Amino acid sequence: MSWATVWRIKMRDDALKTRIKTDPHSPGMNRAVQPLLNVDAFYEAFDIKEGDNMYIAPENRVRIW
């Protein structure tokens, strides 16, 4: 929960579009959620199952190490 709190943002659409065009970093809402979708423990902690909107099949999750 703390991880998501750090990256929370509230921005008007025009400001978000400008940020996407000029900032090399992804918007906070993507930085909060996207990396976690590749962590198995995230699925266990929040009981995310196949068919849920946030579910990514294990074989499609990014594995760096």
PDB file of N, CA and C in Angstrom:
ATOM      1  N   MET A   1       0.831  -1.183   0.000  1.00  0.00           N
ATOM      2  CA  MET A   1       0.000   0.000   0.000  1.00  0.00           C
ATOM      3  C   MET A   1       0.880   1.253   0.000  1.00  0.00           C
ATOM      4  N   SER A   2       1.965   1.212   0.734  1.00  0.00           N
ATOM      5  CA  SER A   2       2.861   2.367   0.773  1.00  0.00           C
ATOM      6  C   SER A   2       3.476   2.636  -0.592  1.00  0.00           C
ATOM      7  N   TRP A   3       3.787   1.570  -1.319  1.00  0.00           N
ATOM      8  CA  TRP A   3       4.354   1.720  -2.654  1.00  0.00           C
ATOM      9  C   TRP A   3       3.412   2.538  -3.541  1.00  0.00           C
ATOM     10  N   ALA A   4       2.138   2.207  -3.552  1.00  0.00           N
ATOM     11  CA  ALA A   4       1.173   2.926  -4.375  1.00  0.00           C
ATOM     12  C   ALA A   4       0.988   4.361  -3.895  1.00  0.00           C
ATOM     13  N   THR A   5       1.035   4.564  -2.603  1.00  0.00           N
ATOM     14  CA  THR A   5       0.871   5.907  -2.048  1.00  0.00           C
ATOM     15  C   THR A   5       1.985   6.840  -2.513  1.00  0.00           C
ATOM     16  N   VAL A   6       3.188   6.326  -2.601  1.00  0.00           N
ATOM     17  CA  VAL A   6       4.320   7.136  -3.048  1.00  0.00           C
ATOM     18  C   VAL A   6       4.097   7.641  -4.472  1.00  0.00           C
ATOM     19  N   TRP A   7       3.500   6.829  -5.321  1.00  0.00           N
ATOM     20  CA  TRP A   7       3.364   7.172  -6.739  1.00  0.00           C
ATOM     21  C   TRP A   7       2.018   7.760  -7.109  1.00  0.00           C
ATOM     22  N   ARG A   8       1.142   7.989  -6.162  1.00  0.00           N
ATOM     23  CA  ARG A   8      -0.178   8.515  -6.520  1.00  0.00           C
ATOM     24  C   ARG A   8      -0.045   9.932  -7.096  1.00  0.00           C
ATOM     25  N   ILE A   9      -0.864  10.197  -8.079  1.00  0.00           N
ATOM     26  CA  ILE A   9      -0.876  11.522  -8.692  1.00  0.00           C
ATOM     27  C   ILE A   9      -2.306  11.888  -9.037  1.00  0.00           C
ATOM     28  N   LYS A  10      -2.540  13.157  -9.166  1.00  0.00           N
ATOM     29  CA  LYS A  10      -3.821  13.649  -9.643  1.00  0.00           C
ATOM     30  C   LYS A  10      -3.483  14.788 -10.592  1.00  0.00           C
ATOM     31  N   MET A  11      -3.824  14.612 -11.847  1.00  0.00           N
ATOM     32  CA  MET A  11      -3.410  15.550 -12.868  1.00  0.00           C
ATOM     33  C   MET A  11      -4.524  15.740 -13.887  1.00  0.00           C
ATOM     34  N   ARG A  12      -4.659  16.933 -14.371  1.00  0.00           N
ATOM     35  CA  ARG A  12      -5.621  17.170 -15.453  1.00  0.00           C
ATOM     36  C   ARG A  12      -5.100  16.522 -16.728  1.00  0.00           C
ATOM     37  N   ASP A  13      -6.007  16.197 -17.634  1.00  0.00           N
ATOM     38  CA  ASP A  13      -5.629  15.507 -18.873  1.00  0.00           C
ATOM     39  C   ASP A  13      -4.568  16.272 -19.659  1.00  0.00           C
ATOM     40  N   ASP A  14      -4.717  17.588 -19.778  1.00  0.00           N
ATOM     41  CA  ASP A  14      -3.739  18.374 -20.534  1.00  0.00           C
ATOM     42  C   ASP A  14      -2.354  18.298 -19.899  1.00  0.00           C
ATOM     43  N   ALA A  15      -2.297  18.379 -18.582  1.00  0.00           N
ATOM     44  CA  ALA A  15      -1.013  18.303 -17.884  1.00  0.00           C
ATOM     45  C   ALA A  15      -0.394  16.921 -18.067  1.00  0.00           C
ATOM     46  N   LEU A  16      -1.209  15.880 -18.021  1.00  0.00           N
ATOM     47  CA  LEU A  16      -0.708  14.516 -18.208  1.00  0.00           C
ATOM     48  C   LEU A  16      -0.151  14.336 -19.616  1.00  0.00           C
ATOM     49  N   LYS A  17      -0.852  14.863 -20.612  1.00  0.00           N
ATOM     50  CA  LYS A  17      -0.368  14.762 -21.996  1.00  0.00           C
ATOM     51  C   LYS A  17       0.971  15.466 -22.154  1.00  0.00           C
ATOM     52  N   THR A  18       1.099  16.638 -21.551  1.00  0.00           N
ATOM     53  CA  THR A  18       2.371  17.369 -21.616  1.00  0.00           C
ATOM     54  C   THR A  18       3.477  16.585 -20.925  1.00  0.00           C
ATOM     55  N   ARG A  19       3.172  16.023 -19.773  1.00  0.00           N
ATOM     56  CA  ARG A  19       4.164  15.256 -19.018  1.00  0.00           C
ATOM     57  C   ARG A  19       4.622  14.043 -19.819  1.00  0.00           C
ATOM     58  N   ILE A  20       3.691  13.369 -20.468  1.00  0.00           N
ATOM     59  CA  ILE A  20       4.040  12.183 -21.256  1.00  0.00           C
ATOM     60  C   ILE A  20       4.970  12.560 -22.412  1.00  0.00           C
ATOM     61  N   LYS A  21       4.738  13.721 -22.989  1.00  0.00           N
ATOM     62  CA  LYS A  21       5.566  14.166 -24.117  1.00  0.00           C
ATOM     63  C   LYS A  21       6.938  14.669 -23.692  1.00  0.00           C
ATOM     64  N   THR A  22       7.069  15.157 -22.476  1.00  0.00           N
ATOM     65  CA  THR A  22       8.314  15.820 -22.071  1.00  0.00           C
ATOM     66  C   THR A  22       9.112  15.114 -20.978  1.00  0.00           C
ATOM     67  N   ASP A  23       8.488  14.266 -20.200  1.00  0.00           N
ATOM     68  CA  ASP A  23       9.167  13.615 -19.071  1.00  0.00           C
ATOM     69  C   ASP A  23       9.595  12.208 -19.485  1.00  0.00           C
ATOM     70  N   PRO A  24      10.851  11.842 -19.311  1.00  0.00           N
ATOM     71  CA  PRO A  24      11.284  10.496 -19.703  1.00  0.00           C
ATOM     72  C   PRO A  24      10.732   9.388 -18.789  1.00  0.00           C
ATOM     73  N   HIS A  25      10.163   9.753 -17.647  1.00  0.00           N
ATOM     74  CA  HIS A  25       9.613   8.763 -16.716  1.00  0.00           C
ATOM     75  C   HIS A  25       8.135   8.518 -17.004  1.00  0.00           C
ATOM     76  N   SER A  26       7.693   7.329 -16.707  1.00  0.00           N
ATOM     77  CA  SER A  26       6.281   7.025 -16.876  1.00  0.00           C
ATOM     78  C   SER A  26       5.467   7.735 -15.791  1.00  0.00           C
ATOM     79  N   PRO A  27       4.188   8.002 -16.058  1.00  0.00           N
ATOM     80  CA  PRO A  27       3.335   8.654 -15.056  1.00  0.00           C
ATOM     81  C   PRO A  27       3.220   7.805 -13.788  1.00  0.00           C
ATOM     82  N   GLY A  28       2.968   8.471 -12.683  1.00  0.00           N
ATOM     83  CA  GLY A  28       2.896   7.804 -11.389  1.00  0.00           C
ATOM     84  C   GLY A  28       1.953   6.624 -11.341  1.00  0.00           C
ATOM     85  N   MET A  29       0.785   6.747 -11.986  1.00  0.00           N
ATOM     86  CA  MET A  29      -0.176   5.643 -11.924  1.00  0.00           C
ATOM     87  C   MET A  29       0.380   4.377 -12.577  1.00  0.00           C
ATOM     88  N   ASN A  30       1.234   4.533 -13.579  1.00  0.00           N
ATOM     89  CA  ASN A  30       1.867   3.369 -14.188  1.00  0.00           C
ATOM     90  C   ASN A  30       3.046   2.876 -13.362  1.00  0.00           C
ATOM     91  N   ARG A  31       3.759   3.784 -12.752  1.00  0.00           N
ATOM     92  CA  ARG A  31       4.901   3.408 -11.920  1.00  0.00           C
ATOM     93  C   ARG A  31       4.441   2.680 -10.664  1.00  0.00           C
ATOM     94  N   ALA A  32       3.239   2.949 -10.222  1.00  0.00           N
ATOM     95  CA  ALA A  32       2.706   2.315  -9.017  1.00  0.00           C
ATOM     96  C   ALA A  32       2.256   0.890  -9.276  1.00  0.00           C
ATOM     97  N   VAL A  33       1.654   0.657 -10.423  1.00  0.00           N
ATOM     98  CA  VAL A  33       1.003  -0.629 -10.659  1.00  0.00           C
ATOM     99  C   VAL A  33       1.780  -1.550 -11.591  1.00  0.00           C
ATOM    100  N   GLN A  34       2.257  -1.045 -12.693  1.00  0.00           N
ATOM    101  CA  GLN A  34       2.823  -1.897 -13.737  1.00  0.00           C
ATOM    102  C   GLN A  34       3.936  -2.824 -13.262  1.00  0.00           C
ATOM    103  N   PRO A  35       4.932  -2.346 -12.511  1.00  0.00           N
ATOM    104  CA  PRO A  35       5.981  -3.276 -12.061  1.00  0.00           C
ATOM    105  C   PRO A  35       5.447  -4.405 -11.179  1.00  0.00           C
ATOM    106  N   LEU A  36       4.449  -4.087 -10.370  1.00  0.00           N
ATOM    107  CA  LEU A  36       3.926  -5.093  -9.446  1.00  0.00           C
ATOM    108  C   LEU A  36       3.178  -6.207 -10.160  1.00  0.00           C
ATOM    109  N   LEU A  37       2.672  -5.933 -11.344  1.00  0.00           N
ATOM    110  CA  LEU A  37       1.940  -6.953 -12.089  1.00  0.00           C
ATOM    111  C   LEU A  37       2.849  -8.105 -12.522  1.00  0.00           C
ATOM    112  N   ASN A  38       4.143  -7.925 -12.374  1.00  0.00           N
ATOM    113  CA  ASN A  38       5.103  -8.965 -12.737  1.00  0.00           C
ATOM    114  C   ASN A  38       5.672  -9.696 -11.521  1.00  0.00           C
ATOM    115  N   VAL A  39       5.170  -9.401 -10.328  1.00  0.00           N
ATOM    116  CA  VAL A  39       5.673  -9.989  -9.085  1.00  0.00           C
ATOM    117  C   VAL A  39       4.647 -10.990  -8.543  1.00  0.00           C
ATOM    118  N   ASP A  40       5.044 -12.238  -8.456  1.00  0.00           N
ATOM    119  CA  ASP A  40       4.126 -13.292  -7.998  1.00  0.00           C
ATOM    120  C   ASP A  40       3.542 -12.991  -6.619  1.00  0.00           C
ATOM    121  N   ALA A  41       4.344 -12.440  -5.729  1.00  0.00           N
ATOM    122  CA  ALA A  41       3.879 -12.144  -4.371  1.00  0.00           C
ATOM    123  C   ALA A  41       2.730 -11.131  -4.371  1.00  0.00           C
ATOM    124  N   PHE A  42       2.694 -10.264  -5.347  1.00  0.00           N
ATOM    125  CA  PHE A  42       1.606  -9.294  -5.471  1.00  0.00           C
ATOM    126  C   PHE A  42       0.274 -10.016  -5.682  1.00  0.00           C
ATOM    127  N   TYR A  43       0.285 -11.039  -6.507  1.00  0.00           N
ATOM    128  CA  TYR A  43      -0.930 -11.816  -6.776  1.00  0.00           C
ATOM    129  C   TYR A  43      -1.411 -12.542  -5.521  1.00  0.00           C
ATOM    130  N   GLU A  44      -0.467 -13.052  -4.774  1.00  0.00           N
ATOM    131  CA  GLU A  44      -0.810 -13.756  -3.539  1.00  0.00           C
ATOM    132  C   GLU A  44      -1.346 -12.781  -2.488  1.00  0.00           C
ATOM    133  N   ALA A  45      -0.695 -11.640  -2.340  1.00  0.00           N
ATOM    134  CA  ALA A  45      -1.077 -10.673  -1.308  1.00  0.00           C
ATOM    135  C   ALA A  45      -2.466 -10.103  -1.540  1.00  0.00           C
ATOM    136  N   PHE A  46      -2.819  -9.896  -2.804  1.00  0.00           N
ATOM    137  CA  PHE A  46      -4.109  -9.263  -3.106  1.00  0.00           C
ATOM    138  C   PHE A  46      -5.099 -10.229  -3.741  1.00  0.00           C
ATOM    139  N   ASP A  47      -4.779 -11.518  -3.699  1.00  0.00           N
ATOM    140  CA  ASP A  47      -5.661 -12.582  -4.186  1.00  0.00           C
ATOM    141  C   ASP A  47      -6.159 -12.293  -5.608  1.00  0.00           C
ATOM    142  N   ILE A  48      -5.236 -11.960  -6.497  1.00  0.00           N
ATOM    143  CA  ILE A  48      -5.571 -11.694  -7.895  1.00  0.00           C
ATOM    144  C   ILE A  48      -5.546 -13.016  -8.643  1.00  0.00           C
ATOM    145  N   LYS A  49      -6.638 -13.310  -9.317  1.00  0.00           N
ATOM    146  CA  LYS A  49      -6.805 -14.582 -10.008  1.00  0.00           C
ATOM    147  C   LYS A  49      -7.013 -14.360 -11.500  1.00  0.00           C
ATOM    148  N   GLU A  50      -6.877 -15.433 -12.267  1.00  0.00           N
ATOM    149  CA  GLU A  50      -7.146 -15.382 -13.700  1.00  0.00           C
ATOM    150  C   GLU A  50      -8.570 -14.868 -13.916  1.00  0.00           C
ATOM    151  N   GLY A  51      -8.713 -13.948 -14.839  1.00  0.00           N
ATOM    152  CA  GLY A  51     -10.018 -13.336 -15.105  1.00  0.00           C
ATOM    153  C   GLY A  51     -10.141 -11.951 -14.485  1.00  0.00           C
ATOM    154  N   ASP A  52      -9.321 -11.649 -13.470  1.00  0.00           N
ATOM    155  CA  ASP A  52      -9.310 -10.307 -12.878  1.00  0.00           C
ATOM    156  C   ASP A  52      -8.626  -9.342 -13.846  1.00  0.00           C
ATOM    157  N   ASN A  53      -9.020  -8.082 -13.806  1.00  0.00           N
ATOM    158  CA  ASN A  53      -8.470  -7.081 -14.723  1.00  0.00           C
ATOM    159  C   ASN A  53      -6.961  -6.925 -14.610  1.00  0.00           C
ATOM    160  N   MET A  54      -6.407  -7.113 -13.443  1.00  0.00           N
ATOM    161  CA  MET A  54      -4.972  -6.900 -13.241  1.00  0.00           C
ATOM    162  C   MET A  54      -4.142  -8.164 -13.499  1.00  0.00           C
ATOM    163  N   TYR A  55      -4.773  -9.243 -13.843  1.00  0.00           N
ATOM    164  CA  TYR A  55      -4.080 -10.526 -13.985  1.00  0.00           C
ATOM    165  C   TYR A  55      -3.249 -10.582 -15.271  1.00  0.00           C
ATOM    166  N   ILE A  56      -2.016 -11.033 -15.127  1.00  0.00           N
ATOM    167  CA  ILE A  56      -1.150 -11.369 -16.252  1.00  0.00           C
ATOM    168  C   ILE A  56      -0.724 -12.816 -16.021  1.00  0.00           C
ATOM    169  N   ALA A  57      -0.880 -13.637 -17.032  1.00  0.00           N
ATOM    170  CA  ALA A  57      -0.507 -15.050 -16.898  1.00  0.00           C
ATOM    171  C   ALA A  57       0.977 -15.166 -16.537  1.00  0.00           C
ATOM    172  N   PRO A  58       1.340 -16.112 -15.683  1.00  0.00           N
ATOM    173  CA  PRO A  58       2.729 -16.249 -15.236  1.00  0.00           C
ATOM    174  C   PRO A  58       3.742 -16.311 -16.381  1.00  0.00           C
ATOM    175  N   GLU A  59       3.389 -16.975 -17.464  1.00  0.00           N
ATOM    176  CA  GLU A  59       4.336 -17.087 -18.582  1.00  0.00           C
ATOM    177  C   GLU A  59       4.513 -15.764 -19.339  1.00  0.00           C
ATOM    178  N   ASN A  60       3.624 -14.805 -19.103  1.00  0.00           N
ATOM    179  CA  ASN A  60       3.724 -13.496 -19.762  1.00  0.00           C
ATOM    180  C   ASN A  60       4.303 -12.410 -18.852  1.00  0.00           C
ATOM    181  N   ARG A  61       4.588 -12.744 -17.602  1.00  0.00           N
ATOM    182  CA  ARG A  61       5.169 -11.774 -16.675  1.00  0.00           C
ATOM    183  C   ARG A  61       6.658 -11.578 -16.981  1.00  0.00           C
ATOM    184  N   VAL A  62       7.118 -10.374 -16.829  1.00  0.00           N
ATOM    185  CA  VAL A  62       8.526 -10.064 -17.092  1.00  0.00           C
ATOM    186  C   VAL A  62       9.377 -10.641 -15.966  1.00  0.00           C
ATOM    187  N   ARG A  63      10.420 -11.349 -16.334  1.00  0.00           N
ATOM    188  CA  ARG A  63      11.372 -11.922 -15.384  1.00  0.00           C
ATOM    189  C   ARG A  63      12.759 -11.377 -15.743  1.00  0.00           C
ATOM    190  N   ILE A  64      13.320 -10.599 -14.838  1.00  0.00           N
ATOM    191  CA  ILE A  64      14.636 -10.032 -15.099  1.00  0.00           C
ATOM    192  C   ILE A  64      15.720 -10.946 -14.558  1.00  0.00           C
ATOM    193  N   TRP A  65      15.536 -11.444 -13.364  1.00  0.00           N
ATOM    194  CA  TRP A  65      16.528 -12.321 -12.765  1.00  0.00           C
ATOM    195  C   TRP A  65      15.990 -13.709 -12.607  1.00  0.00           C
TER     196      TRP A  65
END
